[in-house]
Amino acid sequence: MRLERTVYKNLPLILGGGLAVVALNLVLYFTAVSRLDHFAKTVKATVAENRTKIAEMVARDKDVTAGVEDVKTDRQVVGDLTGKVLLTKGQRLVEVQKALLSFANARNLKLDSFSYGYSLFPGDDRAAWGHRYLKVSIGLAVTGPYQELKGFLQDIQDSPQFLIVSDMNLNTSSQGSALIQGTFTVDTYFVATEQDVKDQEQKGGKKA
């Protein structure tokens, strides 16, 4: 009976303490929930940001990969040009001359003159592809009908000899009003040998 009286007497205090504990637990719970919610939002935002960064990195990687493939392709093209098409002056110059003469003959054009100019490309020894090239500029003066001169130019452009028409000039020929005299500069490139480099450096890289 004494215990019951004590409990009854202190009941408000006991209930108050219990409510305080419950309130404290609720505060702790909601605080923890709030913090977890904030943490979850932060993590979500970080994940989204990281995904964006990863996507950007993947895109950049694709660009870099594509760039590397382009460089590989360019190197392969230049390698094929160097090893199979351009060759050296000694290996190919006669074939170039024969090709130009055959184009003129096939069009019944009169070949008035041939001239040559040489220069190194690039101008110094820092070649991007590991080679320097001997640029040969061939000057041609030919006379014939306009349509045949036009066909002659097309033959040069279509030639497998890697010929580039870099300059041209057309004038009426003194041989007849139906004839045109054309002067053309046709450029081509050879793989420069040590002797080519030495010769051009002795001439100061100027045309000869």
N, C-alpha and C. Protein backbone atom coordinates (compact mmCIF):
# COMPACT_ATOMS: atom_id res chain seq x y z
N MET A 1 0.83 -1.21 0.00
CA MET A 1 0.00 0.00 0.00
C MET A 1 0.86 1.25 0.00
N ARG A 2 1.95 1.18 0.75
CA ARG A 2 2.84 2.33 0.81
C ARG A 2 3.42 2.62 -0.58
N LEU A 3 3.76 1.54 -1.34
CA LEU A 3 4.33 1.71 -2.69
C LEU A 3 3.32 2.34 -3.63
N GLU A 4 2.06 1.89 -3.49
CA GLU A 4 1.02 2.44 -4.36
C GLU A 4 0.82 3.92 -4.07
N ARG A 5 0.86 4.27 -2.75
CA ARG A 5 0.70 5.69 -2.43
C ARG A 5 1.85 6.51 -2.99
N THR A 6 3.05 5.91 -2.91
CA THR A 6 4.23 6.64 -3.43
C THR A 6 4.11 6.86 -4.93
N VAL A 7 3.68 5.78 -5.62
CA VAL A 7 3.52 5.87 -7.08
C VAL A 7 2.44 6.88 -7.44
N TYR A 8 1.31 6.77 -6.70
CA TYR A 8 0.21 7.68 -6.97
C TYR A 8 0.61 9.12 -6.71
N LYS A 9 1.39 9.29 -5.61
CA LYS A 9 1.80 10.64 -5.25
C LYS A 9 2.75 11.24 -6.30
N ASN A 10 3.63 10.35 -6.86
CA ASN A 10 4.63 10.83 -7.83
C ASN A 10 4.23 10.57 -9.29
N LEU A 11 2.98 10.19 -9.50
CA LEU A 11 2.51 9.85 -10.85
C LEU A 11 2.72 11.00 -11.85
N PRO A 12 2.36 12.22 -11.48
CA PRO A 12 2.59 13.31 -12.46
C PRO A 12 4.06 13.44 -12.86
N LEU A 13 4.96 13.23 -11.86
CA LEU A 13 6.38 13.33 -12.16
C LEU A 13 6.83 12.20 -13.08
N ILE A 14 6.30 10.99 -12.78
CA ILE A 14 6.66 9.82 -13.61
C ILE A 14 6.16 10.01 -15.03
N LEU A 15 4.88 10.43 -15.14
CA LEU A 15 4.31 10.64 -16.48
C LEU A 15 5.07 11.75 -17.23
N GLY A 16 5.43 12.81 -16.49
CA GLY A 16 6.18 13.89 -17.11
C GLY A 16 7.52 13.43 -17.62
N GLY A 17 8.19 12.59 -16.80
CA GLY A 17 9.49 12.06 -17.24
C GLY A 17 9.35 11.18 -18.46
N GLY A 18 8.28 10.33 -18.45
CA GLY A 18 8.07 9.47 -19.62
C GLY A 18 7.81 10.26 -20.88
N LEU A 19 6.94 11.30 -20.73
CA LEU A 19 6.65 12.14 -21.89
C LEU A 19 7.91 12.85 -22.40
N ALA A 20 8.77 13.27 -21.44
CA ALA A 20 10.02 13.93 -21.83
C ALA A 20 10.91 12.99 -22.63
N VAL A 21 10.96 11.72 -22.16
CA VAL A 21 11.76 10.72 -22.88
C VAL A 21 11.22 10.50 -24.29
N VAL A 22 9.87 10.37 -24.36
CA VAL A 22 9.22 10.17 -25.68
C VAL A 22 9.49 11.36 -26.59
N ALA A 23 9.35 12.57 -26.02
CA ALA A 23 9.58 13.78 -26.81
C ALA A 23 11.02 13.84 -27.31
N LEU A 24 11.94 13.47 -26.39
CA LEU A 24 13.35 13.48 -26.77
C LEU A 24 13.61 12.48 -27.88
N ASN A 25 13.00 11.29 -27.76
CA ASN A 25 13.16 10.27 -28.80
C ASN A 25 12.59 10.76 -30.14
N LEU A 26 11.42 11.44 -30.05
CA LEU A 26 10.82 11.96 -31.28
C LEU A 26 11.71 13.02 -31.92
N VAL A 27 12.28 13.90 -31.09
CA VAL A 27 13.17 14.94 -31.60
C VAL A 27 14.39 14.30 -32.28
N LEU A 28 14.98 13.32 -31.58
CA LEU A 28 16.13 12.62 -32.14
C LEU A 28 15.77 11.92 -33.45
N TYR A 29 14.59 11.31 -33.47
CA TYR A 29 14.14 10.56 -34.65
C TYR A 29 13.98 11.50 -35.85
N PHE A 30 13.23 12.59 -35.61
CA PHE A 30 12.98 13.51 -36.72
C PHE A 30 14.26 14.24 -37.16
N THR A 31 15.14 14.50 -36.19
CA THR A 31 16.42 15.10 -36.54
C THR A 31 17.23 14.16 -37.43
N ALA A 32 17.24 12.86 -37.01
CA ALA A 32 17.97 11.86 -37.80
C ALA A 32 17.35 11.70 -39.19
N VAL A 33 16.01 11.66 -39.22
CA VAL A 33 15.32 11.54 -40.51
C VAL A 33 15.64 12.73 -41.41
N SER A 34 15.61 13.93 -40.79
CA SER A 34 15.91 15.14 -41.56
C SER A 34 17.33 15.10 -42.12
N ARG A 35 18.26 14.66 -41.26
CA ARG A 35 19.64 14.58 -41.72
C ARG A 35 19.80 13.52 -42.81
N LEU A 36 19.13 12.39 -42.63
CA LEU A 36 19.20 11.34 -43.65
C LEU A 36 18.60 11.82 -44.97
N ASP A 37 17.50 12.56 -44.86
CA ASP A 37 16.86 13.09 -46.07
C ASP A 37 17.80 14.07 -46.77
N HIS A 38 18.45 14.95 -45.99
CA HIS A 38 19.40 15.90 -46.56
C HIS A 38 20.58 15.16 -47.19
N PHE A 39 21.06 14.14 -46.49
CA PHE A 39 22.18 13.35 -47.00
C PHE A 39 21.80 12.65 -48.30
N ALA A 40 20.57 12.10 -48.32
CA ALA A 40 20.10 11.40 -49.51
C ALA A 40 20.01 12.35 -50.69
N LYS A 41 19.49 13.57 -50.43
CA LYS A 41 19.40 14.56 -51.51
C LYS A 41 20.79 14.94 -52.00
N THR A 42 21.73 15.10 -51.05
CA THR A 42 23.10 15.45 -51.43
C THR A 42 23.74 14.36 -52.27
N VAL A 43 23.54 13.10 -51.80
CA VAL A 43 24.08 11.96 -52.54
C VAL A 43 23.48 11.89 -53.93
N LYS A 44 22.15 12.11 -54.02
CA LYS A 44 21.47 12.07 -55.31
C LYS A 44 22.02 13.14 -56.24
N ALA A 45 22.21 14.36 -55.69
CA ALA A 45 22.75 15.45 -56.50
C ALA A 45 24.17 15.13 -56.95
N THR A 46 24.96 14.55 -56.05
CA THR A 46 26.34 14.18 -56.39
C THR A 46 26.37 13.11 -57.47
N VAL A 47 25.49 12.12 -57.34
CA VAL A 47 25.41 11.05 -58.34
C VAL A 47 25.04 11.63 -59.71
N ALA A 48 24.04 12.54 -59.69
CA ALA A 48 23.62 13.17 -60.95
C ALA A 48 24.77 13.97 -61.57
N GLU A 49 25.50 14.70 -60.71
CA GLU A 49 26.63 15.49 -61.19
C GLU A 49 27.73 14.59 -61.74
N ASN A 50 27.99 13.48 -61.03
CA ASN A 50 29.02 12.55 -61.49
C ASN A 50 28.62 11.89 -62.81
N ARG A 51 27.32 11.58 -62.94
CA ARG A 51 26.85 10.99 -64.19
C ARG A 51 27.04 11.96 -65.35
N THR A 52 26.77 13.24 -65.08
CA THR A 52 26.97 14.27 -66.11
C THR A 52 28.44 14.34 -66.50
N LYS A 53 29.31 14.34 -65.47
CA LYS A 53 30.74 14.40 -65.74
C LYS A 53 31.22 13.17 -66.50
N ILE A 54 30.68 12.01 -66.12
CA ILE A 54 31.05 10.76 -66.82
C ILE A 54 30.61 10.83 -68.27
N ALA A 55 29.39 11.34 -68.49
CA ALA A 55 28.88 11.47 -69.87
C ALA A 55 29.78 12.41 -70.68
N GLU A 56 30.21 13.52 -70.04
CA GLU A 56 31.10 14.45 -70.72
C GLU A 56 32.45 13.79 -71.02
N MET A 57 32.95 13.01 -70.06
CA MET A 57 34.21 12.32 -70.26
C MET A 57 34.10 11.30 -71.38
N VAL A 58 32.98 10.59 -71.42
CA VAL A 58 32.76 9.60 -72.49
C VAL A 58 32.73 10.30 -73.84
N ALA A 59 32.04 11.46 -73.89
CA ALA A 59 31.96 12.23 -75.14
C ALA A 59 33.35 12.68 -75.56
N ARG A 60 34.13 13.20 -74.57
CA ARG A 60 35.49 13.64 -74.89
C ARG A 60 36.35 12.47 -75.35
N ASP A 61 36.15 11.33 -74.69
CA ASP A 61 36.91 10.13 -75.05
C ASP A 61 36.60 9.72 -76.49
N LYS A 62 35.30 9.82 -76.85
CA LYS A 62 34.93 9.49 -78.23
C LYS A 62 35.59 10.44 -79.20
N ASP A 63 35.62 11.75 -78.84
CA ASP A 63 36.25 12.74 -79.71
C ASP A 63 37.74 12.45 -79.85
N VAL A 64 38.37 12.14 -78.70
CA VAL A 64 39.81 11.84 -78.72
C VAL A 64 40.07 10.59 -79.55
N THR A 65 39.23 9.56 -79.32
CA THR A 65 39.38 8.32 -80.07
C THR A 65 39.23 8.57 -81.56
N ALA A 66 38.20 9.37 -81.90
CA ALA A 66 37.99 9.71 -83.32
C ALA A 66 39.18 10.48 -83.87
N GLY A 67 39.71 11.40 -83.05
CA GLY A 67 40.88 12.16 -83.48
C GLY A 67 42.09 11.26 -83.70
N VAL A 68 42.28 10.30 -82.79
CA VAL A 68 43.39 9.35 -82.92
C VAL A 68 43.23 8.53 -84.20
N GLU A 69 41.99 8.08 -84.45
CA GLU A 69 41.72 7.30 -85.66
C GLU A 69 41.99 8.15 -86.91
N ASP A 70 41.60 9.43 -86.84
CA ASP A 70 41.86 10.32 -87.98
C ASP A 70 43.35 10.45 -88.22
N VAL A 71 44.11 10.61 -87.12
CA VAL A 71 45.56 10.74 -87.25
C VAL A 71 46.15 9.45 -87.84
N LYS A 72 45.66 8.30 -87.34
CA LYS A 72 46.13 7.02 -87.87
C LYS A 72 45.85 6.93 -89.36
N THR A 73 44.62 7.34 -89.73
CA THR A 73 44.24 7.30 -91.15
C THR A 73 45.12 8.23 -91.97
N ASP A 74 45.33 9.46 -91.43
CA ASP A 74 46.18 10.42 -92.14
C ASP A 74 47.59 9.88 -92.30
N ARG A 75 48.10 9.29 -91.23
CA ARG A 75 49.45 8.73 -91.30
C ARG A 75 49.52 7.59 -92.32
N GLN A 76 48.47 6.78 -92.35
CA GLN A 76 48.43 5.68 -93.30
C GLN A 76 48.38 6.20 -94.74
N VAL A 77 47.55 7.24 -94.94
CA VAL A 77 47.45 7.84 -96.28
C VAL A 77 48.79 8.40 -96.70
N VAL A 78 49.43 9.18 -95.79
CA VAL A 78 50.72 9.76 -96.11
C VAL A 78 51.76 8.67 -96.32
N GLY A 79 51.67 7.62 -95.50
CA GLY A 79 52.59 6.49 -95.66
C GLY A 79 52.43 5.83 -97.02
N ASP A 80 51.17 5.64 -97.44
CA ASP A 80 50.92 5.06 -98.75
C ASP A 80 51.42 5.97 -99.87
N LEU A 81 51.17 7.29 -99.70
CA LEU A 81 51.66 8.24 -100.70
C LEU A 81 53.18 8.18 -100.80
N THR A 82 53.82 8.16 -99.63
CA THR A 82 55.28 8.17 -99.60
C THR A 82 55.87 6.89 -100.19
N GLY A 83 55.29 5.75 -99.79
CA GLY A 83 55.88 4.47 -100.18
C GLY A 83 55.42 3.93 -101.52
N LYS A 84 54.25 4.39 -102.00
CA LYS A 84 53.70 3.79 -103.22
C LYS A 84 53.48 4.78 -104.36
N VAL A 85 53.32 6.07 -104.04
CA VAL A 85 52.96 7.04 -105.07
C VAL A 85 54.08 8.05 -105.31
N LEU A 86 54.52 8.74 -104.25
CA LEU A 86 55.49 9.81 -104.44
C LEU A 86 56.88 9.28 -104.80
N LEU A 87 57.40 8.35 -104.01
CA LEU A 87 58.72 7.78 -104.23
C LEU A 87 59.77 8.89 -104.32
N THR A 88 60.93 8.58 -104.89
CA THR A 88 61.98 9.59 -105.00
C THR A 88 62.02 10.14 -106.43
N LYS A 89 62.76 11.23 -106.60
CA LYS A 89 62.86 11.83 -107.94
C LYS A 89 63.46 10.84 -108.93
N GLY A 90 64.47 10.11 -108.49
CA GLY A 90 65.11 9.14 -109.37
C GLY A 90 64.18 8.01 -109.78
N GLN A 91 63.23 7.67 -108.91
CA GLN A 91 62.31 6.58 -109.20
C GLN A 91 61.14 7.00 -110.08
N ARG A 92 60.79 8.29 -110.06
CA ARG A 92 59.52 8.67 -110.65
C ARG A 92 59.54 9.82 -111.65
N LEU A 93 60.59 10.62 -111.68
CA LEU A 93 60.58 11.81 -112.51
C LEU A 93 60.38 11.48 -113.99
N VAL A 94 61.05 10.43 -114.47
CA VAL A 94 60.90 10.06 -115.88
C VAL A 94 59.46 9.71 -116.19
N GLU A 95 58.78 8.99 -115.26
CA GLU A 95 57.39 8.62 -115.48
C GLU A 95 56.49 9.86 -115.52
N VAL A 96 56.80 10.85 -114.68
CA VAL A 96 56.03 12.09 -114.69
C VAL A 96 56.19 12.79 -116.03
N GLN A 97 57.42 12.87 -116.52
CA GLN A 97 57.68 13.51 -117.81
C GLN A 97 56.95 12.77 -118.94
N LYS A 98 57.03 11.45 -118.91
CA LYS A 98 56.36 10.66 -119.94
C LYS A 98 54.85 10.88 -119.91
N ALA A 99 54.29 10.96 -118.69
CA ALA A 99 52.85 11.16 -118.56
C ALA A 99 52.43 12.49 -119.17
N LEU A 100 53.16 13.56 -118.85
CA LEU A 100 52.82 14.88 -119.38
C LEU A 100 52.94 14.92 -120.90
N LEU A 101 54.00 14.30 -121.43
CA LEU A 101 54.18 14.25 -122.88
C LEU A 101 53.07 13.45 -123.55
N SER A 102 52.69 12.34 -122.91
CA SER A 102 51.63 11.51 -123.50
C SER A 102 50.29 12.23 -123.49
N PHE A 103 50.01 13.03 -122.43
CA PHE A 103 48.76 13.80 -122.39
C PHE A 103 48.72 14.83 -123.52
N ALA A 104 49.87 15.49 -123.75
CA ALA A 104 49.92 16.49 -124.80
C ALA A 104 49.77 15.84 -126.18
N ASN A 105 50.46 14.72 -126.39
CA ASN A 105 50.38 14.03 -127.68
C ASN A 105 48.98 13.48 -127.95
N ALA A 106 48.35 12.94 -126.89
CA ALA A 106 47.01 12.39 -127.06
C ALA A 106 46.01 13.45 -127.48
N ARG A 107 46.26 14.70 -127.12
CA ARG A 107 45.36 15.82 -127.46
C ARG A 107 45.85 16.60 -128.68
N ASN A 108 46.90 16.08 -129.34
CA ASN A 108 47.48 16.75 -130.51
C ASN A 108 47.87 18.19 -130.20
N LEU A 109 48.41 18.39 -129.02
CA LEU A 109 48.88 19.71 -128.62
C LEU A 109 50.37 19.85 -128.93
N LYS A 110 50.78 21.03 -129.28
CA LYS A 110 52.19 21.30 -129.52
C LYS A 110 52.84 21.72 -128.20
N LEU A 111 53.81 20.94 -127.79
CA LEU A 111 54.53 21.25 -126.55
C LEU A 111 55.69 22.17 -126.86
N ASP A 112 55.57 23.43 -126.44
CA ASP A 112 56.58 24.44 -126.80
C ASP A 112 57.78 24.44 -125.87
N SER A 113 57.58 24.19 -124.58
CA SER A 113 58.71 24.25 -123.65
C SER A 113 58.41 23.51 -122.36
N PHE A 114 59.50 23.08 -121.71
CA PHE A 114 59.48 22.42 -120.40
C PHE A 114 60.45 23.19 -119.51
N SER A 115 60.11 23.45 -118.26
CA SER A 115 61.06 24.03 -117.32
C SER A 115 60.80 23.44 -115.93
N TYR A 116 61.82 23.51 -115.08
CA TYR A 116 61.71 22.87 -113.78
C TYR A 116 62.15 23.81 -112.66
N GLY A 117 61.47 23.71 -111.54
CA GLY A 117 61.88 24.42 -110.33
C GLY A 117 61.80 23.47 -109.15
N TYR A 118 62.76 23.55 -108.24
CA TYR A 118 62.84 22.62 -107.12
C TYR A 118 62.83 23.38 -105.79
N SER A 119 62.18 22.80 -104.80
CA SER A 119 62.22 23.36 -103.45
C SER A 119 61.88 22.25 -102.47
N LEU A 120 62.32 22.42 -101.23
CA LEU A 120 62.05 21.43 -100.19
C LEU A 120 60.74 21.77 -99.48
N PHE A 121 60.01 20.74 -99.12
CA PHE A 121 58.77 20.93 -98.37
C PHE A 121 58.71 19.87 -97.26
N PRO A 122 58.47 20.28 -96.00
CA PRO A 122 58.43 21.68 -95.54
C PRO A 122 59.80 22.34 -95.62
N GLY A 123 59.82 23.64 -95.37
CA GLY A 123 61.04 24.41 -95.58
C GLY A 123 62.16 24.11 -94.61
N ASP A 124 61.85 23.48 -93.45
CA ASP A 124 62.91 23.10 -92.51
C ASP A 124 62.82 21.60 -92.31
N ASP A 125 63.60 21.10 -91.33
CA ASP A 125 63.67 19.64 -91.16
C ASP A 125 62.67 19.11 -90.15
N ARG A 126 61.70 19.92 -89.73
CA ARG A 126 60.70 19.44 -88.77
C ARG A 126 59.47 18.95 -89.52
N ALA A 127 59.63 17.84 -90.22
CA ALA A 127 58.53 17.30 -91.01
C ALA A 127 57.53 16.59 -90.11
N ALA A 128 56.25 16.87 -90.29
CA ALA A 128 55.22 16.30 -89.42
C ALA A 128 55.13 14.79 -89.52
N TRP A 129 55.45 14.24 -90.69
CA TRP A 129 55.29 12.79 -90.88
C TRP A 129 56.62 12.06 -90.95
N GLY A 130 57.69 12.72 -90.54
CA GLY A 130 58.97 12.04 -90.52
C GLY A 130 59.70 12.07 -91.85
N HIS A 131 59.18 12.80 -92.84
CA HIS A 131 59.82 12.89 -94.14
C HIS A 131 59.84 14.35 -94.59
N ARG A 132 60.85 14.66 -95.41
CA ARG A 132 60.82 15.91 -96.16
C ARG A 132 60.58 15.54 -97.61
N TYR A 133 60.01 16.47 -98.33
CA TYR A 133 59.65 16.18 -99.71
C TYR A 133 60.30 17.19 -100.64
N LEU A 134 60.61 16.73 -101.84
CA LEU A 134 61.15 17.59 -102.87
C LEU A 134 59.99 18.00 -103.77
N LYS A 135 59.65 19.28 -103.73
CA LYS A 135 58.58 19.80 -104.57
C LYS A 135 59.18 20.20 -105.91
N VAL A 136 58.61 19.66 -106.97
CA VAL A 136 59.07 19.98 -108.32
C VAL A 136 57.94 20.69 -109.04
N SER A 137 58.22 21.90 -109.48
CA SER A 137 57.25 22.69 -110.24
C SER A 137 57.67 22.66 -111.71
N ILE A 138 56.81 22.07 -112.54
CA ILE A 138 57.13 21.90 -113.95
C ILE A 138 56.35 22.94 -114.76
N GLY A 139 57.09 23.76 -115.49
CA GLY A 139 56.45 24.76 -116.33
C GLY A 139 56.23 24.21 -117.72
N LEU A 140 55.01 24.33 -118.23
CA LEU A 140 54.66 23.80 -119.55
C LEU A 140 54.07 24.91 -120.41
N ALA A 141 54.47 24.97 -121.65
CA ALA A 141 53.83 25.87 -122.61
C ALA A 141 53.35 25.00 -123.76
N VAL A 142 52.04 24.95 -123.96
CA VAL A 142 51.45 24.11 -125.00
C VAL A 142 50.48 24.94 -125.83
N THR A 143 50.33 24.55 -127.09
CA THR A 143 49.45 25.28 -128.00
C THR A 143 48.47 24.31 -128.66
N GLY A 144 47.20 24.73 -128.74
CA GLY A 144 46.19 23.90 -129.38
C GLY A 144 44.82 24.50 -129.20
N PRO A 145 43.79 23.82 -129.70
CA PRO A 145 42.41 24.30 -129.54
C PRO A 145 42.01 24.33 -128.06
N TYR A 146 41.09 25.21 -127.73
CA TYR A 146 40.66 25.40 -126.35
C TYR A 146 40.15 24.10 -125.72
N GLN A 147 39.29 23.37 -126.45
CA GLN A 147 38.71 22.14 -125.89
C GLN A 147 39.79 21.09 -125.60
N GLU A 148 40.82 21.04 -126.45
CA GLU A 148 41.90 20.09 -126.22
C GLU A 148 42.76 20.51 -125.02
N LEU A 149 42.95 21.81 -124.86
CA LEU A 149 43.67 22.28 -123.67
C LEU A 149 42.89 21.96 -122.40
N LYS A 150 41.57 22.12 -122.49
CA LYS A 150 40.73 21.79 -121.34
C LYS A 150 40.83 20.30 -121.00
N GLY A 151 40.81 19.46 -122.03
CA GLY A 151 40.97 18.02 -121.81
C GLY A 151 42.34 17.67 -121.27
N PHE A 152 43.36 18.39 -121.73
CA PHE A 152 44.73 18.20 -121.24
C PHE A 152 44.81 18.46 -119.74
N LEU A 153 44.17 19.53 -119.29
CA LEU A 153 44.13 19.84 -117.86
C LEU A 153 43.43 18.74 -117.08
N GLN A 154 42.33 18.25 -117.62
CA GLN A 154 41.59 17.18 -116.94
C GLN A 154 42.43 15.92 -116.84
N ASP A 155 43.18 15.61 -117.91
CA ASP A 155 44.06 14.44 -117.89
C ASP A 155 45.10 14.56 -116.78
N ILE A 156 45.65 15.76 -116.63
CA ILE A 156 46.65 15.98 -115.57
C ILE A 156 46.02 15.79 -114.19
N GLN A 157 44.84 16.38 -114.00
CA GLN A 157 44.17 16.28 -112.70
C GLN A 157 43.82 14.83 -112.36
N ASP A 158 43.48 14.02 -113.37
CA ASP A 158 43.07 12.63 -113.15
C ASP A 158 44.24 11.66 -113.10
N SER A 159 45.43 12.15 -113.33
CA SER A 159 46.60 11.27 -113.41
C SER A 159 46.92 10.60 -112.07
N PRO A 160 47.28 9.32 -112.08
CA PRO A 160 47.71 8.66 -110.84
C PRO A 160 49.10 9.10 -110.40
N GLN A 161 49.73 9.98 -111.17
CA GLN A 161 51.08 10.43 -110.84
C GLN A 161 51.12 11.54 -109.79
N PHE A 162 49.97 11.88 -109.19
CA PHE A 162 49.90 12.93 -108.16
C PHE A 162 50.43 14.24 -108.70
N LEU A 163 49.71 14.76 -109.70
CA LEU A 163 50.06 16.02 -110.34
C LEU A 163 49.03 17.08 -109.98
N ILE A 164 49.50 18.28 -109.68
CA ILE A 164 48.63 19.37 -109.26
C ILE A 164 48.88 20.58 -110.15
N VAL A 165 47.84 21.04 -110.82
CA VAL A 165 47.96 22.26 -111.63
C VAL A 165 47.83 23.45 -110.68
N SER A 166 48.94 24.14 -110.43
CA SER A 166 48.94 25.22 -109.45
C SER A 166 48.82 26.61 -110.08
N ASP A 167 49.04 26.69 -111.40
CA ASP A 167 48.94 28.00 -112.05
C ASP A 167 48.69 27.79 -113.54
N MET A 168 47.95 28.70 -114.15
CA MET A 168 47.69 28.59 -115.59
C MET A 168 47.40 29.95 -116.18
N ASN A 169 47.69 30.08 -117.47
CA ASN A 169 47.42 31.33 -118.18
C ASN A 169 47.15 30.98 -119.65
N LEU A 170 46.08 31.53 -120.21
CA LEU A 170 45.70 31.24 -121.59
C LEU A 170 45.76 32.52 -122.41
N ASN A 171 46.35 32.41 -123.60
CA ASN A 171 46.44 33.54 -124.51
C ASN A 171 46.19 33.07 -125.94
N THR A 172 45.71 33.97 -126.78
CA THR A 172 45.53 33.65 -128.19
C THR A 172 46.89 33.44 -128.83
N SER A 173 47.01 32.36 -129.58
CA SER A 173 48.29 32.03 -130.21
C SER A 173 48.49 32.85 -131.48
N SER A 174 49.74 33.17 -131.74
CA SER A 174 50.07 33.88 -132.98
C SER A 174 50.01 32.95 -134.19
N GLN A 175 49.86 31.64 -133.92
CA GLN A 175 49.83 30.66 -135.00
C GLN A 175 48.45 30.56 -135.64
N GLY A 176 47.45 31.19 -135.06
CA GLY A 176 46.11 31.14 -135.63
C GLY A 176 45.08 31.49 -134.59
N SER A 177 43.98 32.13 -135.03
CA SER A 177 42.97 32.60 -134.09
C SER A 177 42.23 31.46 -133.40
N ALA A 178 42.24 30.26 -134.00
CA ALA A 178 41.53 29.13 -133.41
C ALA A 178 42.38 28.41 -132.38
N LEU A 179 43.64 28.81 -132.25
CA LEU A 179 44.55 28.14 -131.34
C LEU A 179 44.80 29.00 -130.10
N ILE A 180 44.99 28.31 -128.99
CA ILE A 180 45.26 28.97 -127.71
C ILE A 180 46.63 28.49 -127.20
N GLN A 181 47.40 29.43 -126.71
CA GLN A 181 48.65 29.03 -126.05
C GLN A 181 48.42 29.03 -124.55
N GLY A 182 48.64 27.89 -123.95
CA GLY A 182 48.46 27.78 -122.50
C GLY A 182 49.79 27.58 -121.80
N THR A 183 50.01 28.34 -120.75
CA THR A 183 51.19 28.12 -119.91
C THR A 183 50.70 27.62 -118.56
N PHE A 184 51.23 26.50 -118.12
CA PHE A 184 50.77 25.84 -116.91
C PHE A 184 51.94 25.55 -115.98
N THR A 185 51.69 25.62 -114.70
CA THR A 185 52.65 25.14 -113.70
C THR A 185 52.04 23.90 -113.05
N VAL A 186 52.73 22.80 -113.18
CA VAL A 186 52.26 21.53 -112.63
C VAL A 186 53.21 21.14 -111.50
N ASP A 187 52.67 21.00 -110.30
CA ASP A 187 53.48 20.63 -109.13
C ASP A 187 53.34 19.15 -108.83
N THR A 188 54.42 18.56 -108.39
CA THR A 188 54.37 17.21 -107.85
C THR A 188 55.42 17.11 -106.74
N TYR A 189 55.38 16.04 -105.98
CA TYR A 189 56.26 15.88 -104.83
C TYR A 189 56.95 14.53 -104.89
N PHE A 190 58.20 14.53 -104.46
CA PHE A 190 58.97 13.30 -104.33
C PHE A 190 59.48 13.20 -102.90
N VAL A 191 59.76 11.99 -102.46
CA VAL A 191 60.40 11.82 -101.15
C VAL A 191 61.84 12.31 -101.28
N ALA A 192 62.21 13.30 -100.48
CA ALA A 192 63.54 13.90 -100.61
C ALA A 192 64.61 12.94 -100.07
N THR A 193 65.64 12.73 -100.88
CA THR A 193 66.79 11.96 -100.43
C THR A 193 67.77 12.90 -99.74
N GLU A 194 68.78 12.31 -99.10
CA GLU A 194 69.81 13.14 -98.45
C GLU A 194 70.49 14.04 -99.46
N GLN A 195 70.69 13.52 -100.68
CA GLN A 195 71.34 14.33 -101.71
C GLN A 195 70.44 15.48 -102.16
N ASP A 196 69.13 15.22 -102.25
CA ASP A 196 68.19 16.29 -102.59
C ASP A 196 68.25 17.42 -101.56
N VAL A 197 68.25 17.03 -100.29
CA VAL A 197 68.29 18.02 -99.21
C VAL A 197 69.59 18.81 -99.27
N LYS A 198 70.70 18.10 -99.48
CA LYS A 198 72.01 18.77 -99.55
C LYS A 198 72.05 19.74 -100.72
N ASP A 199 71.56 19.30 -101.89
CA ASP A 199 71.57 20.16 -103.07
C ASP A 199 70.75 21.42 -102.87
N GLN A 200 69.56 21.26 -102.29
CA GLN A 200 68.68 22.41 -102.11
C GLN A 200 69.20 23.35 -101.02
N GLU A 201 69.79 22.79 -99.97
CA GLU A 201 70.33 23.63 -98.91
C GLU A 201 71.53 24.44 -99.42
N GLN A 202 72.29 23.86 -100.34
CA GLN A 202 73.40 24.59 -100.93
C GLN A 202 72.91 25.73 -101.80
N LYS A 203 71.72 25.55 -102.38
CA LYS A 203 71.13 26.61 -103.21
C LYS A 203 70.25 27.55 -102.39
N GLY A 204 70.21 27.32 -101.09
CA GLY A 204 69.38 28.16 -100.23
C GLY A 204 67.92 27.85 -100.35
N GLY A 205 67.59 26.65 -100.86
CA GLY A 205 66.19 26.24 -100.97
C GLY A 205 65.46 26.97 -102.08
N LYS A 206 66.19 27.70 -102.93
CA LYS A 206 65.52 28.48 -103.97
C LYS A 206 65.33 27.62 -105.21
N LYS A 207 64.38 28.07 -106.02
CA LYS A 207 64.14 27.35 -107.27
C LYS A 207 65.34 27.49 -108.20
N ALA A 208 65.58 26.41 -108.97
CA ALA A 208 66.69 26.42 -109.91
C ALA A 208 66.18 26.29 -111.34
